[in-house]
Amino acid sequence: MMSLFFLSLMLLAAYVLGSIPFAVVTSKLFGLEDPRRYGSGNPGATNVLRSGNKGAAVLTLVGDCLKGWLAVWLASKLGFTPLEAACAGLFALLGHIFSVFLRFKGGKGVATALGVMIGVDVQLAVLCALVWLTVAFVTRYSSAAALAAAAAAPISGLMFLGPHPIVVVLLIMAGLLFWRHAANIARLSAGTEGKIGGGKKADAR
């Protein structure tokens, strides 16, 4: 097992990697308005899509997903254990939610969490992605799809990994996603949640 110093260094690097705000960076590259100023105010792919620029939204999605996967992959390649690598993914997710580049504010973390799951176990990621796609297709609510996928993550982890400590990491990630979607849950209950592709005024705060 790596020393505590190198483990701490790796987790810090994963946090900084996760902090890269691809929604903001991509919007600037495409000459779009800052995604924090319209729609849900969330710097994520779903909100960028409300700008009407699908290319920017896709690039944001890929970037946010990639940083979660990369944190796990790099940790594995550096010789850290699977559990430590999963923790690196968790710290990347924390970086996305509490971005050091955005004054410790950030996105909801759905795409980054998916990237982490890809790094941990592809089957797990595929199943959760299918849950997201199914719920999103049926309801047209990105938040409802995210919550369903988050709930499915630790359950799927038990299916594919058994009673492994990594399942605890998945459970923590799911808890973070539910916490970040607290306002969405309230709007879903009130029937005021904006749907996918609903335009810039959707979910206005």
Protein backbone atom coordinates (compact mmCIF):
# COMPACT_ATOMS: atom_id res chain seq x y z
CA MET A 1 0.00 0.00 0.00
CA MET A 2 1.26 3.45 -0.89
CA SER A 3 2.35 5.71 1.95
CA LEU A 4 -0.16 8.13 3.42
CA PHE A 5 1.79 11.02 1.89
CA PHE A 6 1.52 9.74 -1.67
CA LEU A 7 -2.12 8.77 -1.15
CA SER A 8 -2.91 12.29 0.09
CA LEU A 9 -1.04 13.79 -2.86
CA MET A 10 -2.98 11.61 -5.28
CA LEU A 11 -6.33 12.55 -3.73
CA LEU A 12 -5.43 16.25 -3.88
CA ALA A 13 -4.49 15.91 -7.56
CA ALA A 14 -7.80 14.13 -8.22
CA TYR A 15 -9.67 16.95 -6.50
CA VAL A 16 -7.94 19.60 -8.63
CA LEU A 17 -8.62 17.57 -11.78
CA GLY A 18 -12.28 17.31 -10.84
CA SER A 19 -12.42 21.06 -10.21
CA ILE A 20 -11.93 21.89 -13.91
CA PRO A 21 -15.28 23.52 -14.85
CA PHE A 22 -15.78 22.18 -18.37
CA ALA A 23 -19.22 23.82 -18.68
CA VAL A 24 -17.68 27.27 -18.15
CA VAL A 25 -14.59 26.55 -20.27
CA THR A 26 -16.63 25.08 -23.14
CA SER A 27 -19.11 27.96 -23.08
CA LYS A 28 -16.26 30.44 -23.39
CA LEU A 29 -14.77 28.47 -26.29
CA PHE A 30 -18.12 28.55 -28.11
CA GLY A 31 -18.75 32.20 -27.26
CA LEU A 32 -21.78 31.34 -25.13
CA GLU A 33 -23.13 32.96 -22.00
CA ASP A 34 -21.80 31.65 -18.70
CA PRO A 35 -24.10 28.70 -17.80
CA ARG A 36 -24.25 29.93 -14.22
CA ARG A 37 -26.31 32.92 -15.41
CA TYR A 38 -29.28 31.11 -16.96
CA GLY A 39 -31.51 28.08 -16.60
CA SER A 40 -30.77 26.18 -13.41
CA GLY A 41 -27.54 28.12 -12.92
CA ASN A 42 -25.74 24.80 -12.83
CA PRO A 43 -22.39 24.51 -14.67
CA GLY A 44 -23.19 21.17 -16.28
CA ALA A 45 -24.03 19.64 -19.64
CA THR A 46 -27.82 19.71 -19.22
CA ASN A 47 -27.81 23.43 -18.52
CA VAL A 48 -25.36 24.15 -21.36
CA LEU A 49 -27.82 22.34 -23.64
CA ARG A 50 -30.37 25.03 -22.75
CA SER A 51 -28.15 27.49 -24.64
CA GLY A 52 -29.23 25.71 -27.82
CA ASN A 53 -25.67 24.64 -28.67
CA LYS A 54 -25.65 20.83 -28.68
CA GLY A 55 -21.95 20.67 -29.53
CA ALA A 56 -21.02 22.65 -26.42
CA ALA A 57 -23.28 20.45 -24.31
CA VAL A 58 -21.74 17.24 -25.65
CA LEU A 59 -18.21 18.56 -25.11
CA THR A 60 -19.13 19.52 -21.55
CA LEU A 61 -20.58 16.06 -20.92
CA VAL A 62 -17.49 14.34 -22.29
CA GLY A 63 -15.12 16.58 -20.33
CA ASP A 64 -16.94 16.15 -17.03
CA CYS A 65 -17.17 12.39 -17.53
CA LEU A 66 -13.54 12.11 -18.62
CA LYS A 67 -12.14 13.77 -15.51
CA GLY A 68 -13.95 11.28 -13.26
CA TRP A 69 -12.65 8.32 -15.28
CA LEU A 70 -9.14 9.78 -15.55
CA ALA A 71 -8.80 10.16 -11.79
CA VAL A 72 -9.56 6.46 -11.26
CA TRP A 73 -7.45 5.31 -14.22
CA LEU A 74 -4.38 7.34 -13.27
CA ALA A 75 -4.55 6.18 -9.66
CA SER A 76 -4.71 2.57 -10.86
CA LYS A 77 -1.77 3.07 -13.23
CA LEU A 78 0.27 4.61 -10.42
CA GLY A 79 -0.12 1.42 -8.39
CA PHE A 80 -2.85 2.39 -5.96
CA THR A 81 -5.34 -0.27 -4.87
CA PRO A 82 -8.81 -0.46 -6.49
CA LEU A 83 -10.34 1.06 -3.34
CA GLU A 84 -7.82 3.92 -3.34
CA ALA A 85 -8.46 4.48 -7.04
CA ALA A 86 -12.21 4.64 -6.33
CA CYS A 87 -11.48 7.20 -3.61
CA ALA A 88 -9.59 9.23 -6.20
CA GLY A 89 -12.77 9.21 -8.26
CA LEU A 90 -14.73 10.37 -5.22
CA PHE A 91 -12.33 13.28 -4.75
CA ALA A 92 -12.70 14.19 -8.43
CA LEU A 93 -16.45 14.30 -7.83
CA LEU A 94 -15.90 16.51 -4.78
CA GLY A 95 -13.75 18.76 -6.97
CA HIS A 96 -16.56 19.07 -9.49
CA ILE A 97 -19.12 19.90 -6.80
CA PHE A 98 -16.80 22.22 -4.84
CA SER A 99 -14.58 23.54 -7.62
CA VAL A 100 -11.51 25.43 -6.44
CA PHE A 101 -11.73 27.41 -9.68
CA LEU A 102 -15.32 28.52 -9.01
CA ARG A 103 -14.90 29.61 -5.37
CA PHE A 104 -15.81 26.14 -4.15
CA LYS A 105 -19.09 26.04 -6.05
CA GLY A 106 -19.76 23.69 -8.93
CA GLY A 107 -22.07 21.33 -10.75
CA LYS A 108 -24.35 18.51 -9.70
CA GLY A 109 -21.75 15.85 -10.51
CA VAL A 110 -23.78 13.37 -12.57
CA ALA A 111 -21.41 13.12 -15.55
CA THR A 112 -18.34 13.04 -13.33
CA ALA A 113 -19.89 10.27 -11.22
CA LEU A 114 -20.53 8.29 -14.41
CA GLY A 115 -16.87 8.69 -15.35
CA VAL A 116 -15.84 7.39 -11.94
CA MET A 117 -18.08 4.36 -12.38
CA ILE A 118 -16.58 3.66 -15.80
CA GLY A 119 -13.16 3.61 -14.15
CA VAL A 120 -14.35 1.37 -11.33
CA ASP A 121 -16.38 -1.15 -13.38
CA VAL A 122 -17.71 -0.72 -16.91
CA GLN A 123 -20.70 -3.01 -16.32
CA LEU A 124 -21.72 -0.88 -13.35
CA ALA A 125 -21.45 2.27 -15.45
CA VAL A 126 -23.44 0.80 -18.34
CA LEU A 127 -26.29 -0.28 -16.08
CA CYS A 128 -26.50 3.13 -14.37
CA ALA A 129 -26.34 4.88 -17.76
CA LEU A 130 -29.22 2.73 -18.98
CA VAL A 131 -31.23 3.68 -15.90
CA TRP A 132 -30.53 7.36 -16.59
CA LEU A 133 -31.48 7.07 -20.26
CA THR A 134 -34.68 5.16 -19.52
CA VAL A 135 -35.93 7.58 -16.87
CA ALA A 136 -34.88 10.61 -18.93
CA PHE A 137 -36.71 9.27 -22.00
CA VAL A 138 -39.88 8.49 -20.06
CA THR A 139 -40.05 11.61 -17.87
CA ARG A 140 -37.95 14.19 -19.78
CA TYR A 141 -36.53 15.22 -16.40
CA SER A 142 -32.73 15.13 -16.21
CA SER A 143 -32.87 15.44 -12.43
CA ALA A 144 -35.21 12.47 -12.02
CA ALA A 145 -32.94 10.40 -14.27
CA ALA A 146 -29.90 11.44 -12.23
CA LEU A 147 -31.57 10.50 -8.95
CA ALA A 148 -32.62 7.10 -10.31
CA ALA A 149 -29.11 6.39 -11.60
CA ALA A 150 -27.57 7.52 -8.29
CA ALA A 151 -29.86 5.17 -6.37
CA ALA A 152 -28.95 2.34 -8.74
CA ALA A 153 -25.18 2.82 -8.31
CA PRO A 154 -24.59 1.18 -4.90
CA ILE A 155 -27.15 -1.53 -5.68
CA SER A 156 -25.40 -2.28 -8.96
CA GLY A 157 -22.09 -2.20 -7.13
CA LEU A 158 -23.25 -5.01 -4.87
CA MET A 159 -24.37 -6.96 -7.95
CA PHE A 160 -21.07 -6.68 -9.81
CA LEU A 161 -18.51 -6.23 -7.02
CA GLY A 162 -20.10 -8.06 -4.10
CA PRO A 163 -19.65 -6.74 -0.53
CA HIS A 164 -16.54 -4.75 -1.48
CA PRO A 165 -15.56 -1.51 0.33
CA ILE A 166 -15.87 0.27 -3.03
CA VAL A 167 -19.65 -0.06 -2.60
CA VAL A 168 -19.33 2.33 0.35
CA VAL A 169 -17.63 4.83 -1.96
CA LEU A 170 -20.52 4.43 -4.41
CA LEU A 171 -22.98 4.98 -1.57
CA ILE A 172 -21.21 8.20 -0.57
CA MET A 173 -21.28 9.36 -4.19
CA ALA A 174 -25.01 8.63 -4.38
CA GLY A 175 -25.56 10.60 -1.19
CA LEU A 176 -23.68 13.57 -2.63
CA LEU A 177 -25.78 13.47 -5.80
CA PHE A 178 -29.03 13.37 -3.82
CA TRP A 179 -27.82 16.27 -1.67
CA ARG A 180 -26.89 18.33 -4.74
CA HIS A 181 -30.33 17.65 -6.22
CA ALA A 182 -32.27 18.73 -3.12
CA ALA A 183 -33.71 21.78 -4.92
CA ASN A 184 -34.60 19.63 -7.93
CA ILE A 185 -36.42 17.17 -5.68
CA ALA A 186 -38.46 20.06 -4.26
CA ARG A 187 -39.30 21.30 -7.77
CA LEU A 188 -40.21 17.80 -8.93
CA SER A 189 -42.58 17.51 -5.99
CA ALA A 190 -44.08 20.90 -6.81
CA GLY A 191 -44.34 20.15 -10.54
CA THR A 192 -42.17 23.14 -11.46
CA GLU A 193 -39.00 21.31 -12.56
CA GLY A 194 -37.78 22.21 -16.06
CA LYS A 195 -37.54 19.45 -18.63
CA ILE A 196 -34.61 18.52 -20.86
CA GLY A 197 -34.25 21.04 -23.68
CA GLY A 198 -36.69 23.39 -21.99
CA GLY A 199 -34.76 26.53 -22.86
CA LYS A 200 -32.83 29.07 -20.82
CA LYS A 201 -35.72 29.94 -18.54
CA ALA A 202 -36.14 26.38 -17.32
CA ASP A 203 -35.48 25.91 -13.62
CA ALA A 204 -34.78 29.61 -13.22
CA ARG A 205 -33.70 30.53 -9.74
